[in-house]
């Protein structure tokens, strides 16, 4: 059984990783915890999962990139014209 932290996130798997100043990378578990996102000052979310909901539309600005999580996904087609 996975160990959960005080916010109900899996320890070691649901952390935010700061990949650039004020730009964070995470997974659906952390992105699904409003209090966790607010605690870290998150205001905007880029959701890169076609099957994933944007759970907190009233609390955060979302950009939803509906792509499949598989090696055959054509990312060029997804972003054409952007």
Protein backbone atom coordinates (compact mmCIF):
# COMPACT_ATOMS: atom_id res chain seq x y z
CA UNK A 1 0.00 0.00 0.00
CA UNK A 2 1.27 3.49 -0.90
CA UNK A 3 1.96 5.95 1.90
CA UNK A 4 -0.14 9.14 1.70
CA UNK A 5 0.90 12.55 2.97
CA UNK A 6 -1.30 15.04 4.90
CA UNK A 7 -2.99 16.17 1.66
CA UNK A 8 -3.77 12.63 0.56
CA UNK A 9 -1.04 12.53 -2.11
CA UNK A 10 1.16 9.51 -2.67
CA UNK A 11 4.51 10.25 -1.08
CA UNK A 12 7.23 10.43 -3.76
CA UNK A 13 4.85 10.24 -6.72
CA UNK A 14 2.61 13.27 -6.54
CA UNK A 15 5.07 16.02 -5.86
CA UNK A 16 5.47 19.11 -7.98
CA UNK A 17 8.77 19.46 -9.81
CA UNK A 18 9.86 23.02 -10.59
CA UNK A 19 11.23 22.72 -14.15
CA UNK A 20 11.70 26.49 -14.69
CA UNK A 21 11.12 29.47 -12.42
CA UNK A 22 7.44 29.29 -11.37
CA UNK A 23 6.74 26.48 -13.88
CA UNK A 24 5.88 23.13 -12.33
CA UNK A 25 5.39 19.62 -13.66
CA UNK A 26 3.19 17.14 -11.89
CA UNK A 27 0.79 14.27 -12.47
CA UNK A 28 -2.96 13.86 -12.25
CA UNK A 29 -2.86 13.00 -8.56
CA UNK A 30 -1.36 16.33 -7.46
CA UNK A 31 -3.35 18.23 -10.10
CA UNK A 32 -6.51 16.79 -8.57
CA UNK A 33 -5.90 18.39 -5.17
CA UNK A 34 -7.11 22.02 -5.14
CA UNK A 35 -5.60 22.78 -1.72
CA UNK A 36 -2.22 21.40 -2.84
CA UNK A 37 -2.21 23.58 -5.97
CA UNK A 38 -3.19 26.70 -4.04
CA UNK A 39 -0.55 26.01 -1.38
CA UNK A 40 2.08 26.16 -4.14
CA UNK A 41 0.71 29.34 -5.73
CA UNK A 42 -0.56 27.63 -8.88
CA UNK A 43 -2.94 29.85 -10.91
CA UNK A 44 -2.84 28.21 -14.37
CA UNK A 45 -2.85 24.54 -15.37
CA UNK A 46 -1.89 22.97 -18.70
CA UNK A 47 -3.71 19.63 -18.83
CA UNK A 48 -2.04 17.31 -21.36
CA UNK A 49 -4.37 14.36 -21.10
CA UNK A 50 -7.26 13.82 -23.43
CA UNK A 51 -8.99 11.61 -20.89
CA UNK A 52 -8.37 13.92 -17.91
CA UNK A 53 -10.92 16.42 -16.65
CA UNK A 54 -10.12 20.02 -15.72
CA UNK A 55 -11.51 19.59 -12.21
CA UNK A 56 -11.32 23.11 -10.79
CA UNK A 57 -12.35 25.47 -13.60
CA UNK A 58 -13.67 28.03 -11.12
CA UNK A 59 -10.37 28.09 -9.21
CA UNK A 60 -7.70 27.93 -11.96
CA UNK A 61 -7.19 28.92 -15.60
CA UNK A 62 -6.87 25.79 -17.78
CA UNK A 63 -5.41 25.06 -21.19
CA UNK A 64 -6.48 21.55 -22.16
CA UNK A 65 -4.29 19.80 -24.72
CA UNK A 66 -6.24 16.68 -25.64
CA UNK A 67 -3.50 14.21 -26.53
CA UNK A 68 -3.24 10.48 -26.01
CA UNK A 69 -0.64 9.02 -23.67
CA UNK A 70 0.97 6.73 -26.23
CA UNK A 71 4.10 6.76 -28.40
CA UNK A 72 2.07 6.96 -31.61
CA UNK A 73 0.47 10.31 -30.75
CA UNK A 74 1.27 12.91 -33.43
CA UNK A 75 2.16 16.02 -31.41
CA UNK A 76 2.85 18.09 -34.53
CA UNK A 77 -0.78 17.63 -35.59
CA UNK A 78 -1.96 18.62 -32.12
CA UNK A 79 -0.14 21.95 -32.18
CA UNK A 80 -0.48 22.83 -35.87
CA UNK A 81 -1.76 26.39 -36.26
CA UNK A 82 -1.03 27.33 -32.65
